[in-house]
Amino acid sequence: MKHILPIITLTTLTAAAFADAGAAAPAAAASGLNYNRVGISRQGQNNDISVSNLIGGSNVLVTLSALGSYDGGTAADNYAHLSVGYVFKNVVSGIDATVTLGQGSSSAGSSYGVNLRRSLNEVFAGLEVAVGYTHQSFDNAVSDSAWSYELAYNINKQYSIAYGVVDAKGASDNLNVVSLRFNY
């Protein structure tokens, strides 16, 4: 019985210390963004299908995409692209940052990029915004970089639709992208 008072005092002081530390630096909330998904995108005459998955319980993101490009009804450029990235969750104000490295088949070459993504549930439930930068080096020694901007709406926990704009360096027009995704 004589040890109960010191234990209660120590427990109370510890709880108060953690409460004060929590007030000074609140714990980061989870971003709530889903990275395990299958997507189908249409951009001009190009069709893209992609599968993204976080490996196990880690933040390592693997994405495989296949692009089919058509020019006058015939296939002009078809390739697959594999990228591996790391998702830094809730870096600042609920923003997730993903850094990726990728390699494509055929003339696609290698790429690197960063993507910032945030849920806007405080504005409208299910709304997300993303901004990204990608640099791609092609096999023919040409390189290209692009900024991308996307607004997505999660219809429910499984389905989402997105509209994006890709601003490629040196391109005369921006590329509009419409995507339908299935989260699993």
N, C-alpha and C. Protein backbone atom coordinates (compact mmCIF):
# COMPACT_ATOMS: atom_id res chain seq x y z
N MET A 1 0.81 -1.19 0.00
CA MET A 1 0.00 0.00 0.00
C MET A 1 0.85 1.26 0.00
N LYS A 2 2.03 1.20 0.63
CA LYS A 2 2.84 2.41 0.73
C LYS A 2 3.44 2.82 -0.62
N HIS A 3 3.42 1.93 -1.63
CA HIS A 3 3.97 2.27 -2.95
C HIS A 3 2.91 2.81 -3.91
N ILE A 4 1.67 2.79 -3.53
CA ILE A 4 0.59 3.23 -4.42
C ILE A 4 0.65 4.74 -4.66
N LEU A 5 0.86 5.53 -3.62
CA LEU A 5 0.91 6.99 -3.77
C LEU A 5 2.03 7.43 -4.71
N PRO A 6 3.27 6.92 -4.59
CA PRO A 6 4.31 7.31 -5.56
C PRO A 6 3.97 6.86 -6.99
N ILE A 7 3.36 5.70 -7.15
CA ILE A 7 3.01 5.21 -8.48
C ILE A 7 1.95 6.11 -9.10
N ILE A 8 0.93 6.46 -8.32
CA ILE A 8 -0.13 7.35 -8.84
C ILE A 8 0.47 8.71 -9.19
N THR A 9 1.34 9.24 -8.34
CA THR A 9 1.97 10.54 -8.60
C THR A 9 2.81 10.49 -9.87
N LEU A 10 3.63 9.45 -10.00
CA LEU A 10 4.47 9.29 -11.18
C LEU A 10 3.63 9.15 -12.45
N THR A 11 2.57 8.36 -12.39
CA THR A 11 1.67 8.17 -13.54
C THR A 11 1.02 9.49 -13.92
N THR A 12 0.56 10.26 -12.95
CA THR A 12 -0.09 11.54 -13.22
C THR A 12 0.90 12.53 -13.83
N LEU A 13 2.10 12.60 -13.28
CA LEU A 13 3.11 13.51 -13.84
C LEU A 13 3.51 13.12 -15.26
N THR A 14 3.64 11.82 -15.53
CA THR A 14 3.97 11.35 -16.87
C THR A 14 2.87 11.70 -17.86
N ALA A 15 1.62 11.48 -17.47
CA ALA A 15 0.49 11.81 -18.34
C ALA A 15 0.44 13.31 -18.62
N ALA A 16 0.70 14.12 -17.59
CA ALA A 16 0.70 15.57 -17.78
C ALA A 16 1.83 16.01 -18.70
N ALA A 17 3.00 15.39 -18.56
CA ALA A 17 4.13 15.73 -19.43
C ALA A 17 3.82 15.41 -20.88
N PHE A 18 3.22 14.24 -21.13
CA PHE A 18 2.86 13.89 -22.49
C PHE A 18 1.76 14.80 -23.02
N ALA A 19 0.83 15.20 -22.17
CA ALA A 19 -0.24 16.10 -22.61
C ALA A 19 0.34 17.45 -23.00
N ASP A 20 1.31 17.97 -22.22
CA ASP A 20 1.94 19.24 -22.55
C ASP A 20 2.77 19.13 -23.82
N ALA A 21 3.48 18.01 -23.99
CA ALA A 21 4.28 17.81 -25.21
C ALA A 21 3.37 17.70 -26.41
N GLY A 22 2.23 17.07 -26.22
CA GLY A 22 1.27 16.94 -27.32
C GLY A 22 0.68 18.27 -27.71
N ALA A 23 0.50 19.18 -26.72
CA ALA A 23 -0.04 20.50 -27.03
C ALA A 23 0.97 21.32 -27.82
N ALA A 24 2.26 21.15 -27.51
CA ALA A 24 3.29 21.91 -28.20
C ALA A 24 3.50 21.38 -29.61
N ALA A 25 3.42 20.07 -29.79
CA ALA A 25 3.64 19.46 -31.10
C ALA A 25 2.61 18.35 -31.28
N PRO A 26 1.43 18.68 -31.84
CA PRO A 26 0.39 17.67 -31.96
C PRO A 26 0.82 16.54 -32.89
N ALA A 27 0.34 15.37 -32.59
CA ALA A 27 0.66 14.20 -33.41
C ALA A 27 0.07 14.38 -34.80
N ALA A 28 0.78 13.92 -35.81
CA ALA A 28 0.33 14.04 -37.19
C ALA A 28 -0.83 13.08 -37.44
N ALA A 29 -1.86 13.59 -38.07
CA ALA A 29 -3.01 12.75 -38.41
C ALA A 29 -2.71 12.01 -39.71
N ALA A 30 -3.31 10.87 -39.86
CA ALA A 30 -3.14 10.09 -41.10
C ALA A 30 -3.77 10.83 -42.26
N SER A 31 -3.16 10.73 -43.44
CA SER A 31 -3.67 11.46 -44.60
C SER A 31 -4.96 10.85 -45.14
N GLY A 32 -5.15 9.55 -44.97
CA GLY A 32 -6.36 8.90 -45.44
C GLY A 32 -6.40 8.66 -46.94
N LEU A 33 -5.31 8.87 -47.64
CA LEU A 33 -5.28 8.68 -49.09
C LEU A 33 -5.00 7.22 -49.41
N ASN A 34 -5.64 6.72 -50.45
CA ASN A 34 -5.47 5.33 -50.86
C ASN A 34 -4.48 5.26 -52.02
N TYR A 35 -3.50 4.38 -51.91
CA TYR A 35 -2.50 4.22 -52.95
C TYR A 35 -2.62 2.89 -53.69
N ASN A 36 -3.42 1.97 -53.17
CA ASN A 36 -3.63 0.68 -53.83
C ASN A 36 -4.81 0.84 -54.79
N ARG A 37 -4.50 0.95 -56.09
CA ARG A 37 -5.58 1.23 -57.05
C ARG A 37 -5.21 0.82 -58.47
N VAL A 38 -6.26 0.64 -59.25
CA VAL A 38 -6.15 0.37 -60.69
C VAL A 38 -6.80 1.55 -61.39
N GLY A 39 -6.14 2.10 -62.41
CA GLY A 39 -6.69 3.26 -63.09
C GLY A 39 -6.68 3.12 -64.60
N ILE A 40 -7.68 3.73 -65.21
CA ILE A 40 -7.77 3.82 -66.67
C ILE A 40 -7.85 5.30 -67.00
N SER A 41 -6.96 5.77 -67.88
CA SER A 41 -6.91 7.19 -68.22
C SER A 41 -7.01 7.38 -69.73
N ARG A 42 -7.57 8.50 -70.11
CA ARG A 42 -7.66 8.88 -71.53
C ARG A 42 -7.08 10.27 -71.64
N GLN A 43 -6.07 10.42 -72.50
CA GLN A 43 -5.43 11.70 -72.72
C GLN A 43 -5.22 11.89 -74.21
N GLY A 44 -6.06 12.71 -74.82
CA GLY A 44 -6.00 12.88 -76.27
C GLY A 44 -6.33 11.57 -76.97
N GLN A 45 -5.41 11.06 -77.77
CA GLN A 45 -5.59 9.77 -78.43
C GLN A 45 -4.91 8.63 -77.68
N ASN A 46 -4.41 8.91 -76.50
CA ASN A 46 -3.68 7.92 -75.71
C ASN A 46 -4.57 7.30 -74.64
N ASN A 47 -4.42 6.00 -74.47
CA ASN A 47 -5.09 5.27 -73.39
C ASN A 47 -4.03 4.71 -72.48
N ASP A 48 -4.25 4.82 -71.17
CA ASP A 48 -3.28 4.36 -70.20
C ASP A 48 -4.01 3.52 -69.15
N ILE A 49 -3.43 2.39 -68.81
CA ILE A 49 -3.94 1.59 -67.71
C ILE A 49 -2.79 1.40 -66.73
N SER A 50 -3.08 1.56 -65.44
CA SER A 50 -2.02 1.47 -64.44
C SER A 50 -2.52 0.74 -63.20
N VAL A 51 -1.56 0.13 -62.51
CA VAL A 51 -1.82 -0.54 -61.24
C VAL A 51 -0.76 -0.04 -60.26
N SER A 52 -1.21 0.48 -59.11
CA SER A 52 -0.31 0.96 -58.06
C SER A 52 -0.60 0.19 -56.79
N ASN A 53 0.47 -0.12 -56.05
CA ASN A 53 0.29 -0.88 -54.82
C ASN A 53 1.41 -0.57 -53.84
N LEU A 54 1.02 -0.30 -52.58
CA LEU A 54 2.00 -0.19 -51.51
C LEU A 54 2.41 -1.61 -51.14
N ILE A 55 3.69 -1.85 -51.02
CA ILE A 55 4.21 -3.19 -50.72
C ILE A 55 4.05 -3.47 -49.23
N GLY A 56 3.27 -4.50 -48.91
CA GLY A 56 3.06 -4.88 -47.51
C GLY A 56 2.52 -3.71 -46.72
N GLY A 57 3.01 -3.51 -45.54
CA GLY A 57 2.60 -2.38 -44.71
C GLY A 57 3.56 -1.21 -44.82
N SER A 58 4.44 -1.24 -45.81
CA SER A 58 5.45 -0.20 -45.94
C SER A 58 4.93 0.98 -46.75
N ASN A 59 5.77 1.97 -46.95
CA ASN A 59 5.46 3.13 -47.77
C ASN A 59 6.09 3.04 -49.15
N VAL A 60 6.57 1.86 -49.53
CA VAL A 60 7.15 1.65 -50.85
C VAL A 60 6.02 1.41 -51.84
N LEU A 61 5.94 2.26 -52.85
CA LEU A 61 4.88 2.21 -53.85
C LEU A 61 5.44 1.71 -55.18
N VAL A 62 4.82 0.67 -55.73
CA VAL A 62 5.20 0.12 -57.03
C VAL A 62 4.05 0.38 -58.00
N THR A 63 4.37 0.94 -59.17
CA THR A 63 3.36 1.24 -60.18
C THR A 63 3.79 0.68 -61.52
N LEU A 64 2.88 -0.03 -62.16
CA LEU A 64 3.08 -0.54 -63.51
C LEU A 64 2.02 0.08 -64.39
N SER A 65 2.45 0.72 -65.48
CA SER A 65 1.49 1.33 -66.40
C SER A 65 1.81 0.95 -67.83
N ALA A 66 0.77 0.89 -68.63
CA ALA A 66 0.92 0.58 -70.05
C ALA A 66 0.19 1.67 -70.83
N LEU A 67 0.88 2.25 -71.80
CA LEU A 67 0.32 3.33 -72.61
C LEU A 67 0.13 2.85 -74.03
N GLY A 68 -1.03 3.13 -74.57
CA GLY A 68 -1.30 2.86 -75.98
C GLY A 68 -1.57 4.17 -76.67
N SER A 69 -0.74 4.54 -77.64
CA SER A 69 -0.87 5.79 -78.37
C SER A 69 -1.29 5.49 -79.80
N TYR A 70 -2.24 6.27 -80.30
CA TYR A 70 -2.77 6.01 -81.64
C TYR A 70 -2.64 7.24 -82.50
N ASP A 71 -2.24 7.01 -83.75
CA ASP A 71 -2.07 8.09 -84.71
C ASP A 71 -2.80 7.69 -85.99
N GLY A 72 -3.95 8.30 -86.23
CA GLY A 72 -4.71 8.00 -87.44
C GLY A 72 -5.26 6.58 -87.46
N GLY A 73 -5.59 6.03 -86.32
CA GLY A 73 -6.17 4.69 -86.26
C GLY A 73 -5.17 3.57 -86.15
N THR A 74 -3.87 3.88 -86.22
CA THR A 74 -2.85 2.84 -86.07
C THR A 74 -2.04 3.11 -84.80
N ALA A 75 -1.55 2.05 -84.21
CA ALA A 75 -0.76 2.19 -82.99
C ALA A 75 0.55 2.90 -83.32
N ALA A 76 0.80 4.04 -82.67
CA ALA A 76 2.01 4.81 -82.95
C ALA A 76 3.11 4.50 -81.94
N ASP A 77 2.76 4.39 -80.69
CA ASP A 77 3.77 4.16 -79.65
C ASP A 77 3.10 3.48 -78.47
N ASN A 78 3.49 2.26 -78.20
CA ASN A 78 2.97 1.51 -77.07
C ASN A 78 4.13 1.11 -76.18
N TYR A 79 3.99 1.34 -74.89
CA TYR A 79 5.07 0.93 -74.00
C TYR A 79 4.54 0.71 -72.59
N ALA A 80 5.34 0.02 -71.81
CA ALA A 80 5.06 -0.20 -70.39
C ALA A 80 6.09 0.57 -69.58
N HIS A 81 5.69 0.96 -68.39
CA HIS A 81 6.57 1.73 -67.51
C HIS A 81 6.42 1.20 -66.09
N LEU A 82 7.53 0.89 -65.46
CA LEU A 82 7.54 0.41 -64.08
C LEU A 82 8.25 1.45 -63.22
N SER A 83 7.60 1.86 -62.14
CA SER A 83 8.24 2.82 -61.24
C SER A 83 8.13 2.33 -59.80
N VAL A 84 9.14 2.70 -59.03
CA VAL A 84 9.19 2.39 -57.62
C VAL A 84 9.36 3.72 -56.90
N GLY A 85 8.56 3.92 -55.87
CA GLY A 85 8.63 5.17 -55.14
C GLY A 85 8.49 4.97 -53.65
N TYR A 86 8.66 6.05 -52.94
CA TYR A 86 8.48 6.04 -51.50
C TYR A 86 7.50 7.16 -51.15
N VAL A 87 6.47 6.82 -50.37
CA VAL A 87 5.45 7.78 -49.97
C VAL A 87 5.79 8.31 -48.58
N PHE A 88 6.03 9.61 -48.49
CA PHE A 88 6.22 10.27 -47.22
C PHE A 88 4.84 10.81 -46.81
N LYS A 89 4.20 10.14 -45.87
CA LYS A 89 2.83 10.48 -45.51
C LYS A 89 2.79 11.65 -44.54
N ASN A 90 1.85 12.55 -44.80
CA ASN A 90 1.56 13.70 -43.95
C ASN A 90 2.81 14.52 -43.65
N VAL A 91 3.50 14.93 -44.70
CA VAL A 91 4.73 15.71 -44.56
C VAL A 91 4.42 17.06 -43.91
N VAL A 92 3.46 17.78 -44.46
CA VAL A 92 3.03 19.08 -43.94
C VAL A 92 1.55 19.24 -44.21
N SER A 93 0.77 19.58 -43.23
CA SER A 93 -0.66 19.90 -43.38
C SER A 93 -1.43 18.83 -44.15
N GLY A 94 -1.15 17.57 -43.91
CA GLY A 94 -1.89 16.49 -44.55
C GLY A 94 -1.44 16.18 -45.96
N ILE A 95 -0.34 16.74 -46.42
CA ILE A 95 0.16 16.50 -47.78
C ILE A 95 1.07 15.29 -47.77
N ASP A 96 0.80 14.35 -48.68
CA ASP A 96 1.68 13.20 -48.89
C ASP A 96 2.61 13.53 -50.06
N ALA A 97 3.89 13.24 -49.90
CA ALA A 97 4.88 13.45 -50.96
C ALA A 97 5.40 12.09 -51.40
N THR A 98 5.35 11.83 -52.70
CA THR A 98 5.84 10.57 -53.25
C THR A 98 6.99 10.88 -54.20
N VAL A 99 8.12 10.24 -53.96
CA VAL A 99 9.30 10.37 -54.81
C VAL A 99 9.44 9.07 -55.58
N THR A 100 9.59 9.14 -56.92
CA THR A 100 9.62 7.92 -57.74
C THR A 100 10.81 7.89 -58.69
N LEU A 101 11.23 6.67 -59.00
CA LEU A 101 12.20 6.37 -60.05
C LEU A 101 11.55 5.32 -60.93
N GLY A 102 11.70 5.47 -62.25
CA GLY A 102 11.05 4.52 -63.14
C GLY A 102 11.87 4.16 -64.34
N GLN A 103 11.48 3.05 -64.96
CA GLN A 103 12.13 2.58 -66.19
C GLN A 103 11.04 2.06 -67.11
N GLY A 104 11.11 2.47 -68.36
CA GLY A 104 10.12 2.05 -69.34
C GLY A 104 10.68 1.10 -70.36
N SER A 105 9.80 0.42 -71.05
CA SER A 105 10.20 -0.46 -72.14
C SER A 105 10.29 0.34 -73.44
N SER A 106 10.82 -0.27 -74.46
CA SER A 106 10.91 0.34 -75.79
C SER A 106 11.65 1.68 -75.70
N SER A 107 11.05 2.73 -76.23
CA SER A 107 11.70 4.03 -76.26
C SER A 107 11.36 4.89 -75.05
N ALA A 108 10.67 4.34 -74.07
CA ALA A 108 10.20 5.14 -72.93
C ALA A 108 11.33 5.63 -72.04
N GLY A 109 12.41 4.89 -71.92
CA GLY A 109 13.55 5.34 -71.12
C GLY A 109 13.28 5.36 -69.64
N SER A 110 14.08 6.17 -68.92
CA SER A 110 13.96 6.24 -67.47
C SER A 110 13.32 7.55 -67.04
N SER A 111 12.84 7.57 -65.78
CA SER A 111 12.18 8.77 -65.29
C SER A 111 12.40 8.92 -63.79
N TYR A 112 12.19 10.13 -63.32
CA TYR A 112 12.14 10.40 -61.89
C TYR A 112 11.11 11.49 -61.68
N GLY A 113 10.55 11.54 -60.49
CA GLY A 113 9.54 12.54 -60.24
C GLY A 113 9.16 12.66 -58.78
N VAL A 114 8.37 13.68 -58.51
CA VAL A 114 7.81 13.89 -57.18
C VAL A 114 6.35 14.30 -57.36
N ASN A 115 5.50 13.79 -56.47
CA ASN A 115 4.08 14.09 -56.53
C ASN A 115 3.60 14.47 -55.14
N LEU A 116 2.88 15.56 -55.03
CA LEU A 116 2.30 16.01 -53.77
C LEU A 116 0.80 15.82 -53.87
N ARG A 117 0.23 15.18 -52.86
CA ARG A 117 -1.19 14.83 -52.91
C ARG A 117 -1.83 15.12 -51.55
N ARG A 118 -3.05 15.68 -51.59
CA ARG A 118 -3.74 16.02 -50.35
C ARG A 118 -5.24 15.83 -50.49
N SER A 119 -5.84 15.32 -49.44
CA SER A 119 -7.29 15.22 -49.35
C SER A 119 -7.85 16.58 -48.96
N LEU A 120 -8.96 16.97 -49.57
CA LEU A 120 -9.62 18.24 -49.26
C LEU A 120 -10.98 17.99 -48.63
N ASN A 121 -11.05 17.02 -47.74
CA ASN A 121 -12.33 16.69 -47.10
C ASN A 121 -12.91 17.86 -46.31
N GLU A 122 -12.07 18.78 -45.83
CA GLU A 122 -12.58 19.92 -45.10
C GLU A 122 -13.30 20.90 -46.03
N VAL A 123 -13.02 20.85 -47.33
CA VAL A 123 -13.70 21.69 -48.31
C VAL A 123 -14.94 20.97 -48.83
N PHE A 124 -14.76 19.74 -49.29
CA PHE A 124 -15.86 18.92 -49.82
C PHE A 124 -15.47 17.46 -49.65
N ALA A 125 -16.32 16.68 -49.03
CA ALA A 125 -16.01 15.27 -48.75
C ALA A 125 -15.67 14.51 -50.03
N GLY A 126 -14.53 13.81 -50.04
CA GLY A 126 -14.12 13.00 -51.17
C GLY A 126 -13.23 13.71 -52.17
N LEU A 127 -12.96 14.99 -51.98
CA LEU A 127 -12.16 15.76 -52.92
C LEU A 127 -10.67 15.62 -52.61
N GLU A 128 -9.85 15.51 -53.67
CA GLU A 128 -8.39 15.43 -53.54
C GLU A 128 -7.75 16.33 -54.59
N VAL A 129 -6.55 16.79 -54.28
CA VAL A 129 -5.78 17.57 -55.23
C VAL A 129 -4.36 17.01 -55.27
N ALA A 130 -3.74 17.07 -56.44
CA ALA A 130 -2.37 16.59 -56.59
C ALA A 130 -1.61 17.50 -57.55
N VAL A 131 -0.31 17.68 -57.25
CA VAL A 131 0.60 18.44 -58.11
C VAL A 131 1.86 17.60 -58.23
N GLY A 132 2.37 17.46 -59.46
CA GLY A 132 3.55 16.63 -59.64
C GLY A 132 4.52 17.17 -60.68
N TYR A 133 5.75 16.71 -60.59
CA TYR A 133 6.78 17.03 -61.56
C TYR A 133 7.44 15.73 -61.98
N THR A 134 7.61 15.54 -63.28
CA THR A 134 8.25 14.34 -63.81
C THR A 134 9.27 14.73 -64.86
N HIS A 135 10.41 14.06 -64.82
CA HIS A 135 11.44 14.22 -65.85
C HIS A 135 11.70 12.85 -66.45
N GLN A 136 11.62 12.77 -67.77
CA GLN A 136 11.81 11.49 -68.45
C GLN A 136 12.89 11.62 -69.51
N SER A 137 13.81 10.65 -69.51
CA SER A 137 14.86 10.57 -70.52
C SER A 137 14.54 9.41 -71.45
N PHE A 138 14.49 9.69 -72.72
CA PHE A 138 14.16 8.67 -73.71
C PHE A 138 15.43 8.02 -74.25
N ASP A 139 15.27 6.86 -74.85
CA ASP A 139 16.41 6.11 -75.38
C ASP A 139 17.13 6.85 -76.50
N ASN A 140 16.43 7.75 -77.19
CA ASN A 140 17.06 8.47 -78.30
C ASN A 140 17.74 9.76 -77.83
N ALA A 141 18.15 9.80 -76.56
CA ALA A 141 18.90 10.91 -75.94
C ALA A 141 18.09 12.19 -75.79
N VAL A 142 16.79 12.12 -75.99
CA VAL A 142 15.91 13.26 -75.78
C VAL A 142 15.34 13.16 -74.37
N SER A 143 15.22 14.29 -73.71
CA SER A 143 14.59 14.28 -72.39
C SER A 143 13.45 15.29 -72.38
N ASP A 144 12.51 15.06 -71.47
CA ASP A 144 11.32 15.89 -71.39
C ASP A 144 10.92 16.02 -69.93
N SER A 145 10.40 17.15 -69.55
CA SER A 145 9.90 17.32 -68.20
C SER A 145 8.49 17.89 -68.28
N ALA A 146 7.70 17.60 -67.24
CA ALA A 146 6.31 18.06 -67.24
C ALA A 146 5.82 18.29 -65.82
N TRP A 147 4.94 19.25 -65.69
CA TRP A 147 4.21 19.50 -64.45
C TRP A 147 2.81 18.95 -64.65
N SER A 148 2.26 18.36 -63.61
CA SER A 148 0.89 17.85 -63.70
C SER A 148 0.07 18.37 -62.53
N TYR A 149 -1.19 18.63 -62.80
CA TYR A 149 -2.13 19.14 -61.81
C TYR A 149 -3.40 18.30 -61.92
N GLU A 150 -3.93 17.85 -60.78
CA GLU A 150 -5.08 16.96 -60.83
C GLU A 150 -6.06 17.28 -59.71
N LEU A 151 -7.34 17.20 -60.04
CA LEU A 151 -8.42 17.30 -59.08
C LEU A 151 -9.20 15.99 -59.18
N ALA A 152 -9.35 15.29 -58.06
CA ALA A 152 -10.02 14.00 -58.06
C ALA A 152 -11.19 14.02 -57.07
N TYR A 153 -12.19 13.21 -57.37
CA TYR A 153 -13.33 13.06 -56.49
C TYR A 153 -13.54 11.58 -56.21
N ASN A 154 -13.54 11.21 -54.93
CA ASN A 154 -13.80 9.84 -54.52
C ASN A 154 -15.31 9.66 -54.41
N ILE A 155 -15.87 8.94 -55.37
CA ILE A 155 -17.32 8.70 -55.38
C ILE A 155 -17.72 7.93 -54.13
N ASN A 156 -16.94 6.91 -53.81
CA ASN A 156 -17.09 6.15 -52.57
C ASN A 156 -15.70 5.61 -52.24
N LYS A 157 -15.58 4.65 -51.33
CA LYS A 157 -14.26 4.15 -50.94
C LYS A 157 -13.57 3.38 -52.05
N GLN A 158 -14.32 2.90 -53.04
CA GLN A 158 -13.72 2.09 -54.10
C GLN A 158 -13.49 2.84 -55.40
N TYR A 159 -14.36 3.75 -55.77
CA TYR A 159 -14.27 4.39 -57.08
C TYR A 159 -13.97 5.88 -56.97
N SER A 160 -13.13 6.36 -57.88
CA SER A 160 -12.86 7.79 -57.97
C SER A 160 -12.71 8.18 -59.43
N ILE A 161 -12.95 9.44 -59.69
CA ILE A 161 -12.80 10.01 -61.03
C ILE A 161 -11.92 11.24 -60.89
N ALA A 162 -11.10 11.50 -61.90
CA ALA A 162 -10.16 12.62 -61.81
C ALA A 162 -10.03 13.33 -63.14
N TYR A 163 -9.76 14.62 -63.05
CA TYR A 163 -9.43 15.43 -64.22
C TYR A 163 -8.08 16.08 -63.96
N GLY A 164 -7.19 15.95 -64.92
CA GLY A 164 -5.86 16.52 -64.75
C GLY A 164 -5.38 17.25 -65.98
N VAL A 165 -4.38 18.08 -65.78
CA VAL A 165 -3.74 18.81 -66.86
C VAL A 165 -2.24 18.55 -66.75
N VAL A 166 -1.62 18.20 -67.89
CA VAL A 166 -0.18 17.98 -67.94
C VAL A 166 0.41 19.10 -68.79
N ASP A 167 1.31 19.85 -68.19
CA ASP A 167 1.98 20.97 -68.85
C ASP A 167 3.40 20.53 -69.16
N ALA A 168 3.60 20.01 -70.37
CA ALA A 168 4.91 19.50 -70.78
C ALA A 168 5.77 20.63 -71.31
N LYS A 169 7.03 20.63 -70.89
CA LYS A 169 7.97 21.64 -71.35
C LYS A 169 8.15 21.52 -72.86
N GLY A 170 8.00 22.61 -73.56
CA GLY A 170 8.19 22.62 -75.00
C GLY A 170 6.95 22.25 -75.80
N ALA A 171 5.89 21.77 -75.14
CA ALA A 171 4.67 21.42 -75.87
C ALA A 171 3.84 22.68 -76.09
N SER A 172 3.18 22.76 -77.23
CA SER A 172 2.39 23.94 -77.53
C SER A 172 1.07 23.95 -76.78
N ASP A 173 0.52 22.77 -76.50
CA ASP A 173 -0.75 22.67 -75.79
C ASP A 173 -0.60 21.80 -74.55
N ASN A 174 -1.40 22.11 -73.55
CA ASN A 174 -1.46 21.25 -72.37
C ASN A 174 -2.24 19.99 -72.72
N LEU A 175 -1.94 18.93 -72.02
CA LEU A 175 -2.62 17.65 -72.23
C LEU A 175 -3.66 17.47 -71.14
N ASN A 176 -4.93 17.27 -71.52
CA ASN A 176 -6.02 17.03 -70.58
C ASN A 176 -6.16 15.53 -70.36
N VAL A 177 -6.29 15.13 -69.10
CA VAL A 177 -6.35 13.71 -68.75
C VAL A 177 -7.59 13.46 -67.91
N VAL A 178 -8.39 12.47 -68.28
CA VAL A 178 -9.54 12.04 -67.51
C VAL A 178 -9.26 10.61 -67.06
N SER A 179 -9.46 10.35 -65.76
CA SER A 179 -9.14 9.04 -65.20
C SER A 179 -10.30 8.49 -64.39
N LEU A 180 -10.45 7.18 -64.45
CA LEU A 180 -11.38 6.44 -63.59
C LEU A 180 -10.55 5.43 -62.82
N ARG A 181 -10.72 5.39 -61.50
CA ARG A 181 -9.88 4.52 -60.67
C ARG A 181 -10.72 3.64 -59.75
N PHE A 182 -10.16 2.46 -59.49
CA PHE A 182 -10.76 1.52 -58.55
C PHE A 182 -9.76 1.29 -57.42
N ASN A 183 -10.13 1.66 -56.22
CA ASN A 183 -9.28 1.48 -55.04
C ASN A 183 -9.56 0.12 -54.43
N TYR A 184 -8.52 -0.60 -54.07
CA TYR A 184 -8.70 -1.90 -53.42
C TYR A 184 -7.93 -1.98 -52.13
